Amino acid sequence: MNRKILAITVVVIMAIGLLAACGSDAPPLTTGGDPGTTASPAPSPTPTEPGGSVVVGGGVEHVDVRAGEIGTWDPERDYYANPRFNVTYMVLQAGALHLQWESAFEHWAELSNVEFHGMIDFGGDADQFMMMLPILAEQNDGLILDPDQQMYDRIAEILAETGTHWMGGMAVPQDTTREGFPLIHPYAGFYQPVVGHHFGEHLIEQAQLLWPDVPLDEFAWMTIDHSTIFALHQRAVGARDWFERHHPEFINENRFFVADTSIRHWDVDTSQEVVSTILAMNPQFERWLIFGLVDAQAVGAALALEAAGLSDTSYTAPFGAEAARLMWDAGQQSALRSAGTSSTLIFAEPVFFALYAFMMGEAEYNTLWPEWVNCADGQTFPMRLVPFFWVNQENYRDVFAWGDVYAGSDIFPQYSREGITRDTFSARVRVPDWYRCHQPGCEFCAAAAAIEE
């Protein structure tokens, strides 16, 4: 890999934020679609193959957007007939992904007649964040928040006192003082252990497609963990859980490794260092499947594999595709062969428009998305899953172009829109069965059943 080109990607991802969600165990799930490989590429998605190369968080089916669905931008709605609300995005410590979210919220605000005052980055100063919270609450109709998870309990109390509506961004609004870390507010995003399940299955499938004549027992697995960050670590937990259920031989035969970047940060250099150490200590393995919790880790893994001369026999894939997108745009080849990603605009849409519904009085915290309340886990607030997409060098342009077409934006003008419509893929997913407690009389199960009818 050309390190000059790689340096471009490092600028983008060095400070990338984490995509957070609550993290309890979930049953093994089946992914769908296949991004293809160099040896056997999948066709690029087309309107005649909706959802072709797409997997969604939670392992559930794509569904159509319902008319008037709360949490969704309605291109037929006259938002300018409604009041003009003031909204600010408060971030404890901003990174590259938060900047993308700021742009996404700005875009949705322009379409919905909302005065968006941008992002305020508190540079990691929690005291300053909390001091400014009631002041900004008085100045805004709604707030979008990305604090430390442990701050949410006090945040909820303050905003209840001021009567200001809010939604959490990537940081999940959980009660960190109670067993199971239950949600204290509605949330839209990812169920992290299931992300790990998907990547276990995905990399095994890709190895069998790319090297059909190579038995699996020639491969070793590596998860690049970051054990001190709860949400990220749950992805690693999910990957191990999937192997314990489906390929325990990797663990039993000492072919399952964990490289932990928590010695410093989940950046490229640290990831390259911890992966290189494990490669050097295990020269008996010449084929590796490596899962990066974030894309910076997979870039570091790709560099480590290249230095060890193992790029052609190995496969790494991360959750997050910005680094891969930039490398593929530059025509670079490496062991970073695919990625799971969600369009920032599509991820931000239910967050922004749930807040809009609160401000309009169209929904309450305890009535929003009742079908998405995970009553099997004893939750009382909804966690609405957001779709993510498998992309590779063959199909990524279509996926990113579709995000623009869906949102009416122009973030990726370099990618052709030919044949792409808002319905080429679905921005929604079906409520997974394992969200249900299946108890007679459960209002949340009944809500999910009514949606499916």
Protein backbone atom coordinates (compact mmCIF):
# COMPACT_ATOMS: atom_id res chain seq x y z
CA MET A 1 0.00 0.00 0.00
CA ASN A 2 1.20 3.48 -0.83
CA ARG A 3 1.76 5.23 2.52
CA LYS A 4 1.41 8.63 0.85
CA ILE A 5 -2.12 7.73 -0.14
CA LEU A 6 -2.70 6.15 3.26
CA ALA A 7 -1.76 9.40 4.94
CA ILE A 8 -4.87 10.95 3.41
CA THR A 9 -7.03 8.38 5.14
CA VAL A 10 -5.23 8.83 8.45
CA VAL A 11 -6.11 12.54 8.51
CA VAL A 12 -9.77 11.59 8.21
CA ILE A 13 -9.87 8.80 10.77
CA MET A 14 -7.33 9.63 13.47
CA ALA A 15 -10.00 11.19 15.67
CA ILE A 16 -12.94 9.12 14.51
CA GLY A 17 -15.69 8.75 17.11
CA LEU A 18 -17.26 5.50 18.20
CA LEU A 19 -20.74 4.35 17.22
CA ALA A 20 -22.20 3.42 20.57
CA ALA A 21 -25.04 1.19 21.65
CA CYS A 22 -26.05 -0.83 24.67
CA GLY A 23 -24.28 -4.16 24.99
CA SER A 24 -25.93 -7.26 26.28
CA ASP A 25 -25.72 -10.65 24.62
CA ALA A 26 -27.95 -11.49 21.68
CA PRO A 27 -28.62 -14.76 19.85
CA PRO A 28 -26.62 -15.69 16.76
CA LEU A 29 -28.03 -14.10 13.65
CA THR A 30 -27.79 -14.61 9.93
CA THR A 31 -26.44 -11.88 7.70
CA GLY A 32 -27.59 -11.39 4.15
CA GLY A 33 -25.88 -10.29 1.00
CA ASP A 34 -22.28 -10.52 -0.06
CA PRO A 35 -19.99 -7.68 -1.07
CA GLY A 36 -17.89 -9.98 -3.18
CA THR A 37 -14.12 -10.18 -3.34
CA THR A 38 -11.33 -9.67 -5.83
CA ALA A 39 -11.78 -13.25 -6.98
CA SER A 40 -15.57 -13.27 -7.05
CA PRO A 41 -17.01 -9.76 -7.03
CA ALA A 42 -20.69 -9.26 -6.38
CA PRO A 43 -22.48 -7.06 -8.90
CA SER A 44 -23.01 -3.45 -8.00
CA PRO A 45 -26.45 -2.80 -6.50
CA THR A 46 -29.09 -1.73 -9.00
CA PRO A 47 -32.75 -0.79 -8.74
CA THR A 48 -33.63 -4.27 -10.02
CA GLU A 49 -31.66 -5.80 -7.16
CA PRO A 50 -32.75 -3.76 -4.14
CA GLY A 51 -30.65 -4.48 -1.13
CA GLY A 52 -28.18 -6.67 -3.03
CA SER A 53 -24.90 -6.38 -0.97
CA VAL A 54 -26.55 -4.99 2.12
CA VAL A 55 -26.75 -6.24 5.68
CA VAL A 56 -28.54 -4.42 8.45
CA GLY A 57 -27.64 -4.01 12.11
CA GLY A 58 -29.56 -6.66 13.99
CA GLY A 59 -29.56 -9.13 11.12
CA VAL A 60 -33.11 -8.30 10.10
CA GLU A 61 -34.86 -7.65 6.82
CA HIS A 62 -35.10 -4.30 5.09
CA VAL A 63 -38.55 -2.74 5.01
CA ASP A 64 -40.09 0.22 3.25
CA VAL A 65 -40.47 3.58 4.93
CA ARG A 66 -44.05 4.01 6.09
CA ALA A 67 -45.97 7.16 5.19
CA GLY A 68 -45.86 9.60 8.08
CA GLU A 69 -43.39 7.45 10.02
CA ILE A 70 -42.03 9.35 13.02
CA GLY A 71 -38.27 9.72 12.88
CA THR A 72 -38.24 9.93 9.08
CA TRP A 73 -37.87 12.84 6.69
CA ASP A 74 -41.04 13.19 4.65
CA PRO A 75 -40.28 14.86 1.29
CA GLU A 76 -44.02 15.52 0.84
CA ARG A 77 -44.41 17.41 4.11
CA ASP A 78 -44.51 21.23 4.26
CA TYR A 79 -42.13 21.82 7.16
CA TYR A 80 -42.26 25.57 6.57
CA ALA A 81 -45.88 25.56 7.70
CA ASN A 82 -44.62 24.53 11.15
CA PRO A 83 -42.81 26.58 13.82
CA ARG A 84 -39.08 27.23 13.30
CA PHE A 85 -37.22 25.44 16.11
CA ASN A 86 -33.73 26.10 17.47
CA VAL A 87 -31.42 23.09 17.84
CA THR A 88 -27.77 22.74 18.96
CA TYR A 89 -25.45 19.72 18.93
CA MET A 90 -23.37 19.40 22.13
CA VAL A 91 -20.30 17.12 22.02
CA LEU A 92 -18.00 16.38 24.94
CA GLN A 93 -15.00 15.54 22.72
CA ALA A 94 -15.40 15.97 18.97
CA GLY A 95 -13.74 13.79 16.36
CA ALA A 96 -14.01 13.36 12.60
CA LEU A 97 -17.25 11.40 12.84
CA HIS A 98 -18.88 14.12 14.96
CA LEU A 99 -18.01 16.62 12.22
CA GLN A 100 -19.81 14.38 9.74
CA TRP A 101 -22.80 14.27 12.07
CA GLU A 102 -22.81 18.05 12.31
CA SER A 103 -23.03 18.23 8.53
CA ALA A 104 -25.82 15.65 8.50
CA PHE A 105 -27.86 17.54 11.10
CA GLU A 106 -27.29 20.77 9.19
CA HIS A 107 -28.62 19.11 6.04
CA TRP A 108 -31.74 17.74 7.73
CA ALA A 109 -32.31 21.11 9.42
CA GLU A 110 -32.29 22.90 6.06
CA LEU A 111 -34.95 20.52 4.76
CA SER A 112 -37.17 20.83 7.83
CA ASN A 113 -37.11 24.57 8.58
CA VAL A 114 -35.02 24.17 11.73
CA GLU A 115 -32.48 26.78 12.87
CA PHE A 116 -29.45 24.58 13.53
CA HIS A 117 -26.75 26.33 15.53
CA GLY A 118 -24.05 23.79 14.79
CA MET A 119 -21.85 21.71 17.04
CA ILE A 120 -20.26 22.90 20.28
CA ASP A 121 -17.15 20.89 21.17
CA PHE A 122 -16.20 21.00 24.87
CA GLY A 123 -12.76 19.49 24.32
CA GLY A 124 -13.32 16.75 26.90
CA ASP A 125 -14.20 19.20 29.70
CA ALA A 126 -17.18 17.50 31.38
CA ASP A 127 -17.57 20.27 33.98
CA GLN A 128 -17.85 22.92 31.25
CA PHE A 129 -20.32 20.72 29.34
CA MET A 130 -22.57 20.41 32.39
CA MET A 131 -22.26 24.10 33.26
CA MET A 132 -23.37 25.13 29.76
CA LEU A 133 -26.13 22.54 29.49
CA PRO A 134 -28.88 24.51 31.30
CA ILE A 135 -27.85 27.71 29.51
CA LEU A 136 -28.07 26.10 26.08
CA ALA A 137 -31.25 24.32 27.12
CA GLU A 138 -32.91 27.68 27.75
CA GLN A 139 -31.73 28.99 24.37
CA ASN A 140 -32.89 26.00 22.31
CA ASP A 141 -36.07 24.05 21.69
CA GLY A 142 -34.06 20.86 21.33
CA LEU A 143 -30.56 19.48 21.92
CA ILE A 144 -28.64 16.58 20.40
CA LEU A 145 -26.04 15.28 22.84
CA ASP A 146 -22.85 13.25 22.68
CA PRO A 147 -21.44 13.20 26.23
CA ASP A 148 -19.75 10.47 28.22
CA GLN A 149 -22.38 7.82 28.94
CA GLN A 150 -21.94 8.28 32.69
CA MET A 151 -23.17 11.88 32.36
CA TYR A 152 -26.60 10.99 31.02
CA ASP A 153 -28.35 10.52 34.36
CA ARG A 154 -27.66 14.10 35.44
CA ILE A 155 -28.28 15.42 31.91
CA ALA A 156 -31.75 13.88 31.89
CA GLU A 157 -32.54 15.52 35.24
CA ILE A 158 -31.43 18.98 34.08
CA LEU A 159 -33.33 18.82 30.80
CA ALA A 160 -36.46 17.62 32.58
CA GLU A 161 -36.21 20.70 34.79
CA THR A 162 -35.82 23.07 31.82
CA GLY A 163 -38.39 21.25 29.70
CA THR A 164 -35.99 21.03 26.76
CA HIS A 165 -36.40 18.14 24.34
CA TRP A 166 -33.34 16.05 23.49
CA MET A 167 -31.91 13.02 21.76
CA GLY A 168 -28.60 11.27 22.25
CA GLY A 169 -26.31 10.99 19.26
CA MET A 170 -23.72 8.22 19.09
CA ALA A 171 -23.35 8.03 22.88
CA VAL A 172 -26.13 5.79 24.15
CA PRO A 173 -28.38 7.20 26.90
CA GLN A 174 -27.99 4.43 29.43
CA ASP A 175 -28.16 4.34 33.21
CA THR A 176 -24.63 3.21 34.01
CA THR A 177 -25.45 2.77 37.72
CA ARG A 178 -27.97 -0.03 37.20
CA GLU A 179 -27.46 -3.65 36.27
CA GLY A 180 -27.75 -4.20 32.52
CA PHE A 181 -27.26 -0.48 31.82
CA PRO A 182 -30.90 0.11 30.78
CA LEU A 183 -31.85 2.90 28.42
CA ILE A 184 -33.21 6.05 30.04
CA HIS A 185 -34.28 7.63 26.75
CA PRO A 186 -35.09 6.60 23.15
CA TYR A 187 -32.07 5.81 20.97
CA ALA A 188 -31.34 5.01 17.32
CA GLY A 189 -28.17 3.15 16.35
CA PHE A 190 -26.51 -0.25 16.62
CA TYR A 191 -26.64 -3.25 18.94
CA GLN A 192 -22.93 -3.78 19.34
CA PRO A 193 -22.64 -7.53 20.11
CA VAL A 194 -24.62 -8.23 16.95
CA VAL A 195 -22.15 -6.14 14.95
CA GLY A 196 -19.50 -8.60 16.17
CA HIS A 197 -21.71 -11.54 15.14
CA HIS A 198 -21.99 -10.14 11.63
CA PHE A 199 -18.26 -9.68 11.21
CA GLY A 200 -17.50 -13.19 12.37
CA GLU A 201 -19.82 -14.61 9.76
CA HIS A 202 -18.83 -12.11 7.09
CA LEU A 203 -15.09 -12.75 7.20
CA ILE A 204 -15.53 -16.52 7.26
CA GLU A 205 -17.85 -16.31 4.24
CA GLN A 206 -15.44 -14.06 2.39
CA ALA A 207 -12.48 -16.36 3.05
CA GLN A 208 -14.42 -19.27 1.59
CA LEU A 209 -15.41 -17.22 -1.46
CA LEU A 210 -11.96 -15.75 -2.12
CA TRP A 211 -9.97 -18.92 -1.40
CA PRO A 212 -12.41 -21.80 -2.04
CA ASP A 213 -9.63 -24.40 -2.16
CA VAL A 214 -8.09 -23.40 1.18
CA PRO A 215 -9.48 -25.18 4.26
CA LEU A 216 -10.53 -22.98 7.17
CA ASP A 217 -8.05 -24.65 9.48
CA GLU A 218 -5.26 -22.75 7.70
CA PHE A 219 -6.69 -19.43 8.89
CA ALA A 220 -6.23 -17.64 12.19
CA TRP A 221 -8.66 -14.99 13.46
CA MET A 222 -7.80 -11.70 15.10
CA THR A 223 -10.10 -9.13 16.67
CA ILE A 224 -8.57 -5.71 17.21
CA ASP A 225 -10.25 -4.78 20.49
CA HIS A 226 -10.29 -1.63 22.59
CA SER A 227 -11.21 -3.16 25.93
CA THR A 228 -11.53 0.06 27.95
CA ILE A 229 -14.34 1.52 25.80
CA PHE A 230 -17.57 -0.30 26.65
CA ALA A 231 -19.40 0.12 23.34
CA LEU A 232 -16.38 -0.81 21.21
CA HIS A 233 -15.49 -3.77 23.40
CA GLN A 234 -19.01 -5.19 22.96
CA ARG A 235 -18.27 -5.63 19.27
CA ALA A 236 -15.30 -7.78 20.21
CA VAL A 237 -17.45 -9.71 22.71
CA GLY A 238 -19.98 -10.35 19.97
CA ALA A 239 -17.33 -11.71 17.60
CA ARG A 240 -16.03 -14.18 20.19
CA ASP A 241 -19.60 -15.22 21.01
CA TRP A 242 -20.21 -15.99 17.34
CA PHE A 243 -17.08 -18.16 17.10
CA GLU A 244 -17.97 -20.01 20.30
CA ARG A 245 -21.32 -20.90 18.74
CA HIS A 246 -20.35 -21.57 15.14
CA HIS A 247 -16.59 -22.22 14.87
CA PRO A 248 -15.29 -23.18 18.34
CA GLU A 249 -12.33 -24.92 16.70
CA PHE A 250 -10.69 -21.51 16.21
CA ILE A 251 -10.71 -21.02 19.98
CA ASN A 252 -9.97 -24.65 20.90
CA GLU A 253 -7.03 -24.84 18.48
CA ASN A 254 -5.54 -21.52 19.60
CA ARG A 255 -6.29 -19.81 16.31
CA PHE A 256 -8.32 -17.01 17.90
CA PHE A 257 -6.36 -13.88 18.91
CA VAL A 258 -7.19 -10.48 20.36
CA ALA A 259 -5.00 -7.41 19.78
CA ASP A 260 -5.94 -4.68 22.25
CA THR A 261 -5.30 -1.04 21.27
CA SER A 262 -6.23 0.22 24.75
CA ILE A 263 -2.50 0.46 25.50
CA ARG A 264 -2.94 3.87 23.81
CA HIS A 265 -5.70 4.64 21.29
CA TRP A 266 -7.56 2.92 18.48
CA ASP A 267 -5.50 4.77 15.87
CA VAL A 268 -3.55 3.45 12.88
CA ASP A 269 -0.10 3.35 14.50
CA THR A 270 -1.23 1.58 17.68
CA SER A 271 -3.25 -0.91 15.66
CA GLN A 272 -0.31 -1.66 13.38
CA GLU A 273 1.89 -2.18 16.43
CA VAL A 274 -0.38 -4.62 18.31
CA VAL A 275 -1.23 -6.58 15.17
CA SER A 276 2.42 -6.79 14.11
CA THR A 277 3.33 -8.16 17.54
CA ILE A 278 0.83 -11.01 17.26
CA LEU A 279 1.86 -11.77 13.67
CA ALA A 280 5.51 -11.94 14.71
CA MET A 281 4.73 -14.24 17.64
CA ASN A 282 2.73 -16.63 15.46
CA PRO A 283 4.69 -17.17 12.22
CA GLN A 284 3.04 -20.59 11.78
CA PHE A 285 -0.02 -18.80 10.41
CA GLU A 286 0.20 -17.35 6.92
CA ARG A 287 -3.52 -16.62 6.52
CA TRP A 288 -5.38 -14.18 8.78
CA LEU A 289 -8.92 -12.89 9.11
CA ILE A 290 -8.87 -9.61 11.05
CA PHE A 291 -11.84 -7.61 12.37
CA GLY A 292 -11.33 -3.93 13.15
CA LEU A 293 -13.88 -2.36 15.51
CA VAL A 294 -13.27 0.94 13.69
CA ASP A 295 -11.67 1.60 10.33
CA ALA A 296 -8.43 3.04 11.72
CA GLN A 297 -7.73 -0.36 13.26
CA ALA A 298 -8.21 -2.14 9.94
CA VAL A 299 -5.84 0.29 8.22
CA GLY A 300 -3.23 -0.53 10.87
CA ALA A 301 -3.87 -4.23 10.33
CA ALA A 302 -3.49 -3.85 6.55
CA LEU A 303 -0.12 -2.16 7.06
CA ALA A 304 1.01 -4.87 9.47
CA LEU A 305 -0.01 -7.60 7.04
CA GLU A 306 1.80 -5.86 4.19
CA ALA A 307 4.99 -5.55 6.24
CA ALA A 308 4.77 -9.26 7.08
CA GLY A 309 4.22 -10.22 3.45
CA LEU A 310 0.73 -11.58 4.18
CA SER A 311 -1.50 -9.16 2.28
CA ASP A 312 -2.33 -11.56 -0.53
CA THR A 313 -3.35 -14.36 1.84
CA SER A 314 -5.31 -12.37 4.42
CA TYR A 315 -8.52 -10.39 4.78
CA THR A 316 -9.34 -7.51 7.11
CA ALA A 317 -12.63 -5.62 7.39
CA PRO A 318 -13.74 -2.86 9.78
CA PHE A 319 -16.95 -1.30 10.99
CA GLY A 320 -16.68 2.06 9.25
CA ALA A 321 -15.75 2.62 5.62
CA GLU A 322 -14.29 6.11 5.28
CA ALA A 323 -10.69 4.91 5.18
CA ALA A 324 -11.54 2.13 2.74
CA ARG A 325 -13.50 4.54 0.55
CA LEU A 326 -10.53 6.89 0.23
CA MET A 327 -8.14 4.06 -0.55
CA TRP A 328 -10.48 2.57 -3.14
CA ASP A 329 -10.97 6.01 -4.71
CA ALA A 330 -7.19 6.14 -5.09
CA GLY A 331 -7.15 2.66 -6.66
CA GLN A 332 -5.23 1.12 -3.78
CA GLN A 333 -5.20 -2.63 -3.17
CA SER A 334 -4.57 -4.13 0.26
CA ALA A 335 -5.86 -6.73 2.69
CA LEU A 336 -8.61 -4.22 3.61
CA ARG A 337 -11.11 -5.78 1.24
CA SER A 338 -14.54 -4.75 2.57
CA ALA A 339 -16.24 -2.78 5.35
CA GLY A 340 -19.54 -2.50 7.14
CA THR A 341 -20.84 1.05 7.06
CA SER A 342 -23.91 3.19 7.56
CA SER A 343 -24.52 6.43 5.73
CA THR A 344 -24.12 9.26 8.23
CA LEU A 345 -27.24 10.97 6.87
CA ILE A 346 -29.32 7.81 7.26
CA PHE A 347 -27.93 7.16 10.75
CA ALA A 348 -28.61 10.77 11.78
CA GLU A 349 -32.10 10.91 10.25
CA PRO A 350 -34.06 9.10 13.01
CA VAL A 351 -32.11 10.99 15.68
CA PHE A 352 -32.93 14.37 14.16
CA PHE A 353 -36.54 13.65 13.26
CA ALA A 354 -37.34 11.98 16.59
CA LEU A 355 -36.23 15.24 18.17
CA TYR A 356 -38.38 17.11 15.66
CA ALA A 357 -41.40 14.99 16.64
CA PHE A 358 -40.80 15.80 20.31
CA MET A 359 -40.59 19.53 19.56
CA MET A 360 -43.77 19.35 17.46
CA GLY A 361 -45.62 17.46 20.19
CA GLU A 362 -46.16 14.49 17.86
CA ALA A 363 -44.50 11.99 20.21
CA GLU A 364 -43.43 11.60 23.84
CA TYR A 365 -40.33 9.89 25.18
CA ASN A 366 -42.39 6.98 26.49
CA THR A 367 -44.49 6.56 23.33
CA LEU A 368 -41.89 6.90 20.56
CA TRP A 369 -41.32 3.73 18.48
CA PRO A 370 -43.03 1.24 20.84
CA GLU A 371 -42.28 -1.52 18.31
CA TRP A 372 -38.57 -0.92 18.93
CA VAL A 373 -38.65 -1.43 22.69
CA ASN A 374 -36.49 -4.48 23.42
CA CYS A 375 -38.88 -5.96 25.96
CA ALA A 376 -36.98 -9.27 25.88
CA ASP A 377 -34.17 -7.42 27.64
CA GLY A 378 -36.56 -5.65 29.98
CA GLN A 379 -36.17 -2.27 28.29
CA THR A 380 -38.90 0.35 28.47
CA PHE A 381 -37.41 2.83 25.99
CA PRO A 382 -36.82 2.03 22.30
CA MET A 383 -33.54 1.28 20.58
CA ARG A 384 -34.25 1.65 16.90
CA LEU A 385 -31.73 -0.28 14.82
CA VAL A 386 -30.11 1.48 11.88
CA PRO A 387 -29.12 -0.45 8.72
CA PHE A 388 -25.52 -0.91 7.78
CA PHE A 389 -24.13 -1.98 4.46
CA TRP A 390 -21.35 -4.27 3.29
CA VAL A 391 -19.26 -2.34 0.80
CA ASN A 392 -16.24 -3.34 -1.25
CA GLN A 393 -14.25 -1.95 -4.14
CA GLU A 394 -16.95 -3.05 -6.58
CA ASN A 395 -20.09 -1.59 -5.01
CA TYR A 396 -19.15 1.19 -2.61
CA ARG A 397 -19.80 4.02 -5.08
CA ASP A 398 -23.41 2.94 -5.52
CA VAL A 399 -24.00 2.72 -1.78
CA PHE A 400 -22.57 6.18 -1.08
CA ALA A 401 -24.38 7.68 -4.08
CA TRP A 402 -27.64 6.16 -2.83
CA GLY A 403 -27.20 7.89 0.53
CA ASP A 404 -27.05 11.22 -1.32
CA VAL A 405 -30.06 10.40 -3.49
CA TYR A 406 -32.10 9.29 -0.48
CA ALA A 407 -31.31 12.42 1.54
CA GLY A 408 -31.36 14.91 -1.32
CA SER A 409 -27.75 15.84 -0.56
CA ASP A 410 -24.59 16.20 -2.61
CA ILE A 411 -21.85 14.90 -0.31
CA PHE A 412 -20.42 12.49 -2.92
CA PRO A 413 -20.89 14.19 -6.31
CA GLN A 414 -18.01 12.16 -7.76
CA TYR A 415 -20.13 8.98 -7.72
CA SER A 416 -22.62 8.37 -10.52
CA ARG A 417 -26.33 8.46 -9.69
CA GLU A 418 -27.26 6.57 -12.85
CA GLY A 419 -29.88 3.96 -12.01
CA ILE A 420 -29.98 4.98 -8.33
CA THR A 421 -33.25 6.00 -6.67
CA ARG A 422 -34.37 6.56 -3.06
CA ASP A 423 -35.70 3.00 -3.15
CA THR A 424 -32.57 1.29 -4.49
CA PHE A 425 -31.89 0.27 -0.88
CA SER A 426 -34.04 0.56 2.18
CA ALA A 427 -33.16 2.98 4.97
CA ARG A 428 -35.26 0.94 7.42
CA VAL A 429 -35.07 -2.50 8.95
CA ARG A 430 -37.61 -4.88 10.41
CA VAL A 431 -37.86 -5.33 14.17
CA PRO A 432 -35.90 -8.52 14.98
CA ASP A 433 -37.74 -11.37 16.63
CA TRP A 434 -35.27 -11.47 19.51
CA TYR A 435 -36.42 -7.98 20.57
CA ARG A 436 -39.71 -9.55 21.68
CA CYS A 437 -40.55 -11.10 25.03
CA HIS A 438 -43.48 -12.94 23.37
CA GLN A 439 -45.59 -12.63 26.51
CA PRO A 440 -49.38 -12.40 26.01
CA GLY A 441 -50.62 -8.88 26.52
CA CYS A 442 -47.23 -7.20 26.05
CA GLU A 443 -47.90 -3.77 24.54
CA PHE A 444 -44.47 -3.66 22.88
CA CYS A 445 -44.88 -7.05 21.21
CA ALA A 446 -48.32 -5.98 20.02
CA ALA A 447 -46.87 -2.79 18.55
CA ALA A 448 -44.26 -4.75 16.61
CA ALA A 449 -46.88 -7.20 15.35
CA ALA A 450 -49.08 -4.34 14.16
CA ILE A 451 -46.19 -2.84 12.18
CA GLU A 452 -45.57 -6.15 10.41
CA GLU A 453 -49.19 -6.60 9.33
